[in-house]
Each structure stands twice: as structure tokens, then as C-alpha cells.
């Protein structure tokens, strides 16, 4: 690939332990009905071949996949890895 790495950016979510701190920071998923557990939103930048995670962001309440992806892309992670690769 001419010295380039094929990268992928994706987001996902998962439940966190039900504590007051997690509920305050992460919030709950669900539009009509609140979930049972606080819901953590994450996004990661990974190399497609090795699945090595190069950068990741964890969101707080109200932050979605687009916001987290924007933070990863504006963090300079791609530029740093281009120099390292």
C-alpha cells in the first residue's frame, strides 16, 4: 500500500456498573424508556489489518459517535501515526 495503513473509525456503546457517579457522567440510553444501567459511548480508530487500536475517546452524557469521532480526528492521531508508520 505504498507505506500507508488502512484505518477504520467506529463507535459502540456498552453498559457500565450502576453507580451514582456513572449515571451522572455517562447518563442512560433510551429515548422512551430509561435503560437499567448507565450507558458508555466509545469511538476508536484502529488499523484494519492488525486491529490495533491507535486512538480512542470515551464520551460523557450527551456525546454521540460523531462528536467522539471528531475528537479523534482532530487530535492529530492520524498525523502522528503517519510519521511513526
PDB file of N, CA and C in Angstrom:
ATOM      1  N   UNK A   1       0.817  -1.199   0.000  1.00  0.00           N
ATOM      2  CA  UNK A   1       0.000   0.000   0.000  1.00  0.00           C
ATOM      3  C   UNK A   1       0.856   1.255   0.000  1.00  0.00           C
ATOM      4  N   UNK A   2       2.043   1.181  -0.424  1.00  0.00           N
ATOM      5  CA  UNK A   2       2.876   2.370  -0.521  1.00  0.00           C
ATOM      6  C   UNK A   2       3.180   3.012   0.817  1.00  0.00           C
ATOM      7  N   UNK A   3       3.389   2.219   1.856  1.00  0.00           N
ATOM      8  CA  UNK A   3       3.718   2.761   3.158  1.00  0.00           C
ATOM      9  C   UNK A   3       2.527   3.322   3.920  1.00  0.00           C
ATOM     10  N   UNK A   4       1.337   3.078   3.454  1.00  0.00           N
ATOM     11  CA  UNK A   4       0.140   3.586   4.133  1.00  0.00           C
ATOM     12  C   UNK A   4      -0.558   2.472   4.892  1.00  0.00           C
ATOM     13  N   UNK A   5      -1.257   2.879   5.938  1.00  0.00           N
ATOM     14  CA  UNK A   5      -2.010   1.919   6.755  1.00  0.00           C
ATOM     15  C   UNK A   5      -3.503   2.159   6.549  1.00  0.00           C
ATOM     16  N   UNK A   6      -4.253   1.100   6.323  1.00  0.00           N
ATOM     17  CA  UNK A   6      -5.697   1.209   6.191  1.00  0.00           C
ATOM     18  C   UNK A   6      -6.292   1.259   7.588  1.00  0.00           C
ATOM     19  N   UNK A   7      -7.020   2.336   7.867  1.00  0.00           N
ATOM     20  CA  UNK A   7      -7.564   2.565   9.204  1.00  0.00           C
ATOM     21  C   UNK A   7      -9.092   2.572   9.153  1.00  0.00           C
ATOM     22  N   UNK A   8      -9.686   2.283  10.277  1.00  0.00           N
ATOM     23  CA  UNK A   8     -11.136   2.285  10.399  1.00  0.00           C
ATOM     24  C   UNK A   8     -11.532   3.042  11.661  1.00  0.00           C
ATOM     25  N   UNK A   9     -12.632   3.782  11.585  1.00  0.00           N
ATOM     26  CA  UNK A   9     -13.141   4.548  12.715  1.00  0.00           C
ATOM     27  C   UNK A   9     -14.555   4.060  12.986  1.00  0.00           C
ATOM     28  N   UNK A  10     -14.825   3.645  14.219  1.00  0.00           N
ATOM     29  CA  UNK A  10     -16.145   3.113  14.544  1.00  0.00           C
ATOM     30  C   UNK A  10     -16.496   3.441  15.985  1.00  0.00           C
ATOM     31  N   UNK A  11     -17.764   3.469  16.263  1.00  0.00           N
ATOM     32  CA  UNK A  11     -18.247   3.724  17.609  1.00  0.00           C
ATOM     33  C   UNK A  11     -19.109   2.590  18.106  1.00  0.00           C
ATOM     34  N   UNK A  12     -19.232   2.498  19.405  1.00  0.00           N
ATOM     35  CA  UNK A  12     -20.076   1.485  20.016  1.00  0.00           C
ATOM     36  C   UNK A  12     -20.435   1.942  21.420  1.00  0.00           C
ATOM     37  N   UNK A  13     -21.292   1.200  22.059  1.00  0.00           N
ATOM     38  CA  UNK A  13     -21.682   1.529  23.423  1.00  0.00           C
ATOM     39  C   UNK A  13     -21.760   0.281  24.270  1.00  0.00           C
ATOM     40  N   UNK A  14     -21.686   0.482  25.566  1.00  0.00           N
ATOM     41  CA  UNK A  14     -21.785  -0.645  26.494  1.00  0.00           C
ATOM     42  C   UNK A  14     -22.298  -0.147  27.834  1.00  0.00           C
ATOM     43  N   UNK A  15     -22.876  -1.039  28.584  1.00  0.00           N
ATOM     44  CA  UNK A  15     -23.387  -0.686  29.897  1.00  0.00           C
ATOM     45  C   UNK A  15     -22.261  -0.613  30.912  1.00  0.00           C
ATOM     46  N   UNK A  16     -22.435   0.261  31.889  1.00  0.00           N
ATOM     47  CA  UNK A  16     -21.462   0.419  32.969  1.00  0.00           C
ATOM     48  C   UNK A  16     -22.138   0.037  34.284  1.00  0.00           C
ATOM     49  N   UNK A  17     -21.369  -0.234  35.321  1.00  0.00           N
ATOM     50  CA  UNK A  17     -21.962  -0.521  36.622  1.00  0.00           C
ATOM     51  C   UNK A  17     -22.883   0.626  37.060  1.00  0.00           C
ATOM     52  N   UNK A  18     -23.970   0.264  37.691  1.00  0.00           N
ATOM     53  CA  UNK A  18     -24.975   1.246  38.096  1.00  0.00           C
ATOM     54  C   UNK A  18     -24.549   1.937  39.385  1.00  0.00           C
ATOM     55  N   UNK A  19     -23.869   3.059  39.214  1.00  0.00           N
ATOM     56  CA  UNK A  19     -23.463   3.862  40.367  1.00  0.00           C
ATOM     57  C   UNK A  19     -23.896   5.301  40.115  1.00  0.00           C
ATOM     58  N   UNK A  20     -23.991   6.080  41.137  1.00  0.00           N
ATOM     59  CA  UNK A  20     -24.382   7.485  41.007  1.00  0.00           C
ATOM     60  C   UNK A  20     -23.380   8.240  40.125  1.00  0.00           C
ATOM     61  N   UNK A  21     -22.096   7.966  40.321  1.00  0.00           N
ATOM     62  CA  UNK A  21     -21.065   8.647  39.535  1.00  0.00           C
ATOM     63  C   UNK A  21     -21.181   8.319  38.051  1.00  0.00           C
ATOM     64  N   UNK A  22     -21.359   7.029  37.725  1.00  0.00           N
ATOM     65  CA  UNK A  22     -21.502   6.633  36.321  1.00  0.00           C
ATOM     66  C   UNK A  22     -22.765   7.229  35.708  1.00  0.00           C
ATOM     67  N   UNK A  23     -23.856   7.225  36.447  1.00  0.00           N
ATOM     68  CA  UNK A  23     -25.110   7.779  35.942  1.00  0.00           C
ATOM     69  C   UNK A  23     -24.967   9.268  35.662  1.00  0.00           C
ATOM     70  N   UNK A  24     -24.286   9.983  36.525  1.00  0.00           N
ATOM     71  CA  UNK A  24     -24.101  11.420  36.344  1.00  0.00           C
ATOM     72  C   UNK A  24     -23.209  11.716  35.148  1.00  0.00           C
ATOM     73  N   UNK A  25     -22.119  10.974  35.008  1.00  0.00           N
ATOM     74  CA  UNK A  25     -21.154  11.256  33.946  1.00  0.00           C
ATOM     75  C   UNK A  25     -21.610  10.733  32.582  1.00  0.00           C
ATOM     76  N   UNK A  26     -22.091   9.482  32.529  1.00  0.00           N
ATOM     77  CA  UNK A  26     -22.418   8.852  31.259  1.00  0.00           C
ATOM     78  C   UNK A  26     -23.884   8.982  30.865  1.00  0.00           C
ATOM     79  N   UNK A  27     -24.780   9.057  31.822  1.00  0.00           N
ATOM     80  CA  UNK A  27     -26.203   9.096  31.518  1.00  0.00           C
ATOM     81  C   UNK A  27     -26.725   7.709  31.167  1.00  0.00           C
ATOM     82  N   UNK A  28     -27.949   7.686  30.687  1.00  0.00           N
ATOM     83  CA  UNK A  28     -28.608   6.429  30.317  1.00  0.00           C
ATOM     84  C   UNK A  28     -29.038   6.487  28.864  1.00  0.00           C
ATOM     85  N   UNK A  29     -29.061   5.343  28.209  1.00  0.00           N
ATOM     86  CA  UNK A  29     -29.542   5.264  26.833  1.00  0.00           C
ATOM     87  C   UNK A  29     -31.057   5.075  26.858  1.00  0.00           C
ATOM     88  N   UNK A  30     -31.651   5.296  25.727  1.00  0.00           N
ATOM     89  CA  UNK A  30     -33.093   5.079  25.602  1.00  0.00           C
ATOM     90  C   UNK A  30     -33.837   6.376  25.422  1.00  0.00           C
ATOM     91  N   UNK A  31     -34.681   6.417  24.418  1.00  0.00           N
ATOM     92  CA  UNK A  31     -35.443   7.629  24.149  1.00  0.00           C
ATOM     93  C   UNK A  31     -36.783   7.621  24.872  1.00  0.00           C
ATOM     94  N   UNK A  32     -37.451   6.479  24.890  1.00  0.00           N
ATOM     95  CA  UNK A  32     -38.766   6.396  25.524  1.00  0.00           C
ATOM     96  C   UNK A  32     -38.663   5.935  26.970  1.00  0.00           C
ATOM     97  N   UNK A  33     -37.828   4.952  27.172  1.00  0.00           N
ATOM     98  CA  UNK A  33     -37.680   4.346  28.485  1.00  0.00           C
ATOM     99  C   UNK A  33     -36.209   4.326  28.862  1.00  0.00           C
ATOM    100  N   UNK A  34     -35.895   4.690  30.075  1.00  0.00           N
ATOM    101  CA  UNK A  34     -34.506   4.707  30.514  1.00  0.00           C
ATOM    102  C   UNK A  34     -33.979   3.279  30.665  1.00  0.00           C
ATOM    103  N   UNK A  35     -32.734   3.066  30.238  1.00  0.00           N
ATOM    104  CA  UNK A  35     -32.073   1.768  30.422  1.00  0.00           C
ATOM    105  C   UNK A  35     -31.858   1.512  31.913  1.00  0.00           C
ATOM    106  N   UNK A  36     -31.558   0.288  32.230  1.00  0.00           N
ATOM    107  CA  UNK A  36     -31.305  -0.091  33.612  1.00  0.00           C
ATOM    108  C   UNK A  36     -29.959   0.404  34.101  1.00  0.00           C
ATOM    109  N   UNK A  37     -28.957   0.397  33.222  1.00  0.00           N
ATOM    110  CA  UNK A  37     -27.594   0.760  33.609  1.00  0.00           C
ATOM    111  C   UNK A  37     -27.123   1.986  32.844  1.00  0.00           C
ATOM    112  N   UNK A  38     -26.189   2.751  33.413  1.00  0.00           N
ATOM    113  CA  UNK A  38     -25.589   3.849  32.662  1.00  0.00           C
ATOM    114  C   UNK A  38     -24.962   3.313  31.369  1.00  0.00           C
ATOM    115  N   UNK A  39     -24.973   4.133  30.343  1.00  0.00           N
ATOM    116  CA  UNK A  39     -24.533   3.698  29.016  1.00  0.00           C
ATOM    117  C   UNK A  39     -23.322   4.515  28.575  1.00  0.00           C
ATOM    118  N   UNK A  40     -22.221   3.828  28.318  1.00  0.00           N
ATOM    119  CA  UNK A  40     -20.964   4.459  27.925  1.00  0.00           C
ATOM    120  C   UNK A  40     -20.850   4.413  26.400  1.00  0.00           C
ATOM    121  N   UNK A  41     -20.591   5.561  25.801  1.00  0.00           N
ATOM    122  CA  UNK A  41     -20.386   5.641  24.363  1.00  0.00           C
ATOM    123  C   UNK A  41     -18.892   5.781  24.091  1.00  0.00           C
ATOM    124  N   UNK A  42     -18.397   5.000  23.122  1.00  0.00           N
ATOM    125  CA  UNK A  42     -16.970   4.999  22.798  1.00  0.00           C
ATOM    126  C   UNK A  42     -16.795   5.059  21.286  1.00  0.00           C
ATOM    127  N   UNK A  43     -15.660   5.570  20.860  1.00  0.00           N
ATOM    128  CA  UNK A  43     -15.276   5.534  19.450  1.00  0.00           C
ATOM    129  C   UNK A  43     -13.784   5.225  19.411  1.00  0.00           C
ATOM    130  N   UNK A  44     -13.391   4.483  18.390  1.00  0.00           N
ATOM    131  CA  UNK A  44     -11.990   4.120  18.279  1.00  0.00           C
ATOM    132  C   UNK A  44     -11.497   4.142  16.849  1.00  0.00           C
ATOM    133  N   UNK A  45     -10.230   4.435  16.702  1.00  0.00           N
ATOM    134  CA  UNK A  45      -9.536   4.398  15.418  1.00  0.00           C
ATOM    135  C   UNK A  45      -8.596   3.204  15.474  1.00  0.00           C
ATOM    136  N   UNK A  46      -8.752   2.287  14.520  1.00  0.00           N
ATOM    137  CA  UNK A  46      -7.948   1.062  14.547  1.00  0.00           C
ATOM    138  C   UNK A  46      -7.399   0.754  13.171  1.00  0.00           C
ATOM    139  N   UNK A  47      -6.278   0.060  13.159  1.00  0.00           N
ATOM    140  CA  UNK A  47      -5.691  -0.426  11.915  1.00  0.00           C
ATOM    141  C   UNK A  47      -6.488  -1.655  11.482  1.00  0.00           C
ATOM    142  N   UNK A  48      -6.891  -1.679  10.220  1.00  0.00           N
ATOM    143  CA  UNK A  48      -7.752  -2.765   9.741  1.00  0.00           C
ATOM    144  C   UNK A  48      -7.061  -4.124   9.730  1.00  0.00           C
ATOM    145  N   UNK A  49      -5.808  -4.186   9.351  1.00  0.00           N
ATOM    146  CA  UNK A  49      -5.119  -5.476   9.251  1.00  0.00           C
ATOM    147  C   UNK A  49      -4.838  -6.123  10.595  1.00  0.00           C
ATOM    148  N   UNK A  50      -4.304  -5.359  11.528  1.00  0.00           N
ATOM    149  CA  UNK A  50      -3.906  -5.913  12.822  1.00  0.00           C
ATOM    150  C   UNK A  50      -4.947  -5.706  13.917  1.00  0.00           C
ATOM    151  N   UNK A  51      -5.911  -4.832  13.657  1.00  0.00           N
ATOM    152  CA  UNK A  51      -6.937  -4.452  14.640  1.00  0.00           C
ATOM    153  C   UNK A  51      -6.337  -3.695  15.825  1.00  0.00           C
ATOM    154  N   UNK A  52      -5.144  -3.164  15.643  1.00  0.00           N
ATOM    155  CA  UNK A  52      -4.501  -2.390  16.704  1.00  0.00           C
ATOM    156  C   UNK A  52      -5.238  -1.067  16.875  1.00  0.00           C
ATOM    157  N   UNK A  53      -5.644  -0.765  18.099  1.00  0.00           N
ATOM    158  CA  UNK A  53      -6.322   0.493  18.385  1.00  0.00           C
ATOM    159  C   UNK A  53      -5.266   1.586  18.489  1.00  0.00           C
ATOM    160  N   UNK A  54      -5.427   2.618  17.690  1.00  0.00           N
ATOM    161  CA  UNK A  54      -4.469   3.709  17.614  1.00  0.00           C
ATOM    162  C   UNK A  54      -4.906   4.880  18.490  1.00  0.00           C
ATOM    163  N   UNK A  55      -6.213   5.127  18.555  1.00  0.00           N
ATOM    164  CA  UNK A  55      -6.751   6.216  19.366  1.00  0.00           C
ATOM    165  C   UNK A  55      -8.186   5.861  19.746  1.00  0.00           C
ATOM    166  N   UNK A  56      -8.628   6.384  20.878  1.00  0.00           N
ATOM    167  CA  UNK A  56      -9.994   6.134  21.332  1.00  0.00           C
ATOM    168  C   UNK A  56     -10.480   7.309  22.171  1.00  0.00           C
ATOM    169  N   UNK A  57     -11.784   7.482  22.216  1.00  0.00           N
ATOM    170  CA  UNK A  57     -12.419   8.509  23.034  1.00  0.00           C
ATOM    171  C   UNK A  57     -13.619   7.883  23.744  1.00  0.00           C
ATOM    172  N   UNK A  58     -13.808   8.276  24.979  1.00  0.00           N
ATOM    173  CA  UNK A  58     -14.967   7.855  25.765  1.00  0.00           C
ATOM    174  C   UNK A  58     -15.814   9.090  26.004  1.00  0.00           C
ATOM    175  N   UNK A  59     -17.085   8.998  25.682  1.00  0.00           N
ATOM    176  CA  UNK A  59     -17.959  10.158  25.796  1.00  0.00           C
ATOM    177  C   UNK A  59     -18.672  10.240  27.127  1.00  0.00           C
ATOM    178  N   UNK A  60     -19.081  11.451  27.454  1.00  0.00           N
ATOM    179  CA  UNK A  60     -19.915  11.653  28.631  1.00  0.00           C
ATOM    180  C   UNK A  60     -21.353  11.871  28.172  1.00  0.00           C
ATOM    181  N   UNK A  61     -22.237  12.123  29.096  1.00  0.00           N
ATOM    182  CA  UNK A  61     -23.658  12.257  28.795  1.00  0.00           C
ATOM    183  C   UNK A  61     -23.874  13.261  27.663  1.00  0.00           C
ATOM    184  N   UNK A  62     -24.651  12.853  26.668  1.00  0.00           N
ATOM    185  CA  UNK A  62     -24.995  13.737  25.565  1.00  0.00           C
ATOM    186  C   UNK A  62     -24.032  13.711  24.392  1.00  0.00           C
ATOM    187  N   UNK A  63     -22.893  13.039  24.523  1.00  0.00           N
ATOM    188  CA  UNK A  63     -21.938  12.960  23.417  1.00  0.00           C
ATOM    189  C   UNK A  63     -22.170  11.677  22.635  1.00  0.00           C
ATOM    190  N   UNK A  64     -22.279  11.817  21.323  1.00  0.00           N
ATOM    191  CA  UNK A  64     -22.506  10.666  20.465  1.00  0.00           C
ATOM    192  C   UNK A  64     -21.280  10.298  19.656  1.00  0.00           C
ATOM    193  N   UNK A  65     -21.480   9.332  18.780  1.00  0.00           N
ATOM    194  CA  UNK A  65     -20.391   8.802  17.964  1.00  0.00           C
ATOM    195  C   UNK A  65     -19.744   9.870  17.090  1.00  0.00           C
ATOM    196  N   UNK A  66     -20.532  10.757  16.508  1.00  0.00           N
ATOM    197  CA  UNK A  66     -19.972  11.798  15.646  1.00  0.00           C
ATOM    198  C   UNK A  66     -19.059  12.747  16.420  1.00  0.00           C
ATOM    199  N   UNK A  67     -19.467  13.125  17.617  1.00  0.00           N
ATOM    200  CA  UNK A  67     -18.645  14.004  18.451  1.00  0.00           C
ATOM    201  C   UNK A  67     -17.327  13.331  18.808  1.00  0.00           C
ATOM    202  N   UNK A  68     -17.405  12.063  19.215  1.00  0.00           N
ATOM    203  CA  UNK A  68     -16.200  11.327  19.601  1.00  0.00           C
ATOM    204  C   UNK A  68     -15.273  11.123  18.410  1.00  0.00           C
ATOM    205  N   UNK A  69     -15.848  10.799  17.241  1.00  0.00           N
ATOM    206  CA  UNK A  69     -15.040  10.627  16.032  1.00  0.00           C
ATOM    207  C   UNK A  69     -14.349  11.937  15.674  1.00  0.00           C
ATOM    208  N   UNK A  70     -15.058  13.040  15.807  1.00  0.00           N
ATOM    209  CA  UNK A  70     -14.462  14.345  15.531  1.00  0.00           C
ATOM    210  C   UNK A  70     -13.283  14.638  16.438  1.00  0.00           C
ATOM    211  N   UNK A  71     -13.418  14.274  17.719  1.00  0.00           N
ATOM    212  CA  UNK A  71     -12.300  14.487  18.654  1.00  0.00           C
ATOM    213  C   UNK A  71     -11.094  13.637  18.270  1.00  0.00           C
ATOM    214  N   UNK A  72     -11.339  12.403  17.854  1.00  0.00           N
ATOM    215  CA  UNK A  72     -10.222  11.535  17.440  1.00  0.00           C
ATOM    216  C   UNK A  72      -9.527  12.133  16.223  1.00  0.00           C
ATOM    217  N   UNK A  73     -10.303  12.529  15.235  1.00  0.00           N
ATOM    218  CA  UNK A  73      -9.712  13.050  14.001  1.00  0.00           C
ATOM    219  C   UNK A  73      -8.993  14.374  14.206  1.00  0.00           C
ATOM    220  N   UNK A  74      -9.484  15.197  15.126  1.00  0.00           N
ATOM    221  CA  UNK A  74      -8.834  16.486  15.369  1.00  0.00           C
ATOM    222  C   UNK A  74      -7.683  16.382  16.384  1.00  0.00           C
ATOM    223  N   UNK A  75      -7.500  15.200  16.961  1.00  0.00           N
ATOM    224  CA  UNK A  75      -6.453  15.027  17.985  1.00  0.00           C
ATOM    225  C   UNK A  75      -5.051  14.917  17.398  1.00  0.00           C
ATOM    226  N   UNK A  76      -4.957  14.694  16.093  1.00  0.00           N
ATOM    227  CA  UNK A  76      -3.647  14.518  15.480  1.00  0.00           C
ATOM    228  C   UNK A  76      -3.204  13.065  15.462  1.00  0.00           C
ATOM    229  N   UNK A  77      -4.060  12.139  15.863  1.00  0.00           N
ATOM    230  CA  UNK A  77      -3.690  10.720  15.913  1.00  0.00           C
ATOM    231  C   UNK A  77      -3.303  10.198  14.540  1.00  0.00           C
ATOM    232  N   UNK A  78      -3.997  10.628  13.502  1.00  0.00           N
ATOM    233  CA  UNK A  78      -3.645  10.175  12.150  1.00  0.00           C
ATOM    234  C   UNK A  78      -2.294  10.702  11.720  1.00  0.00           C
ATOM    235  N   UNK A  79      -2.011  11.952  11.993  1.00  0.00           N
ATOM    236  CA  UNK A  79      -0.732  12.547  11.598  1.00  0.00           C
ATOM    237  C   UNK A  79       0.421  11.901  12.368  1.00  0.00           C
ATOM    238  N   UNK A  80       0.231  11.663  13.672  1.00  0.00           N
ATOM    239  CA  UNK A  80       1.290  11.026  14.475  1.00  0.00           C
ATOM    240  C   UNK A  80       1.598   9.645  13.938  1.00  0.00           C
ATOM    241  N   UNK A  81       0.561   8.897  13.584  1.00  0.00           N
ATOM    242  CA  UNK A  81       0.769   7.527  13.099  1.00  0.00           C
ATOM    243  C   UNK A  81       1.341   7.493  11.695  1.00  0.00           C
ATOM    244  N   UNK A  82       1.092   8.514  10.915  1.00  0.00           N
ATOM    245  CA  UNK A  82       1.685   8.582   9.576  1.00  0.00           C
ATOM    246  C   UNK A  82       3.207   8.740   9.705  1.00  0.00           C
ATOM    247  N   UNK A  83       3.638   9.536  10.685  1.00  0.00           N
ATOM    248  CA  UNK A  83       5.091   9.724  10.901  1.00  0.00           C
ATOM    249  C   UNK A  83       5.724   8.463  11.452  1.00  0.00           C
ATOM    250  N   UNK A  84       4.982   7.758  12.369  1.00  0.00           N
ATOM    251  CA  UNK A  84       5.540   6.566  13.034  1.00  0.00           C
ATOM    252  C   UNK A  84       5.607   5.383  12.083  1.00  0.00           C
ATOM    253  N   UNK A  85       4.617   5.288  11.156  1.00  0.00           N
ATOM    254  CA  UNK A  85       4.493   4.112  10.304  1.00  0.00           C
ATOM    255  C   UNK A  85       5.558   4.038   9.300  1.00  0.00           C
TER     256      UNK A  85
END
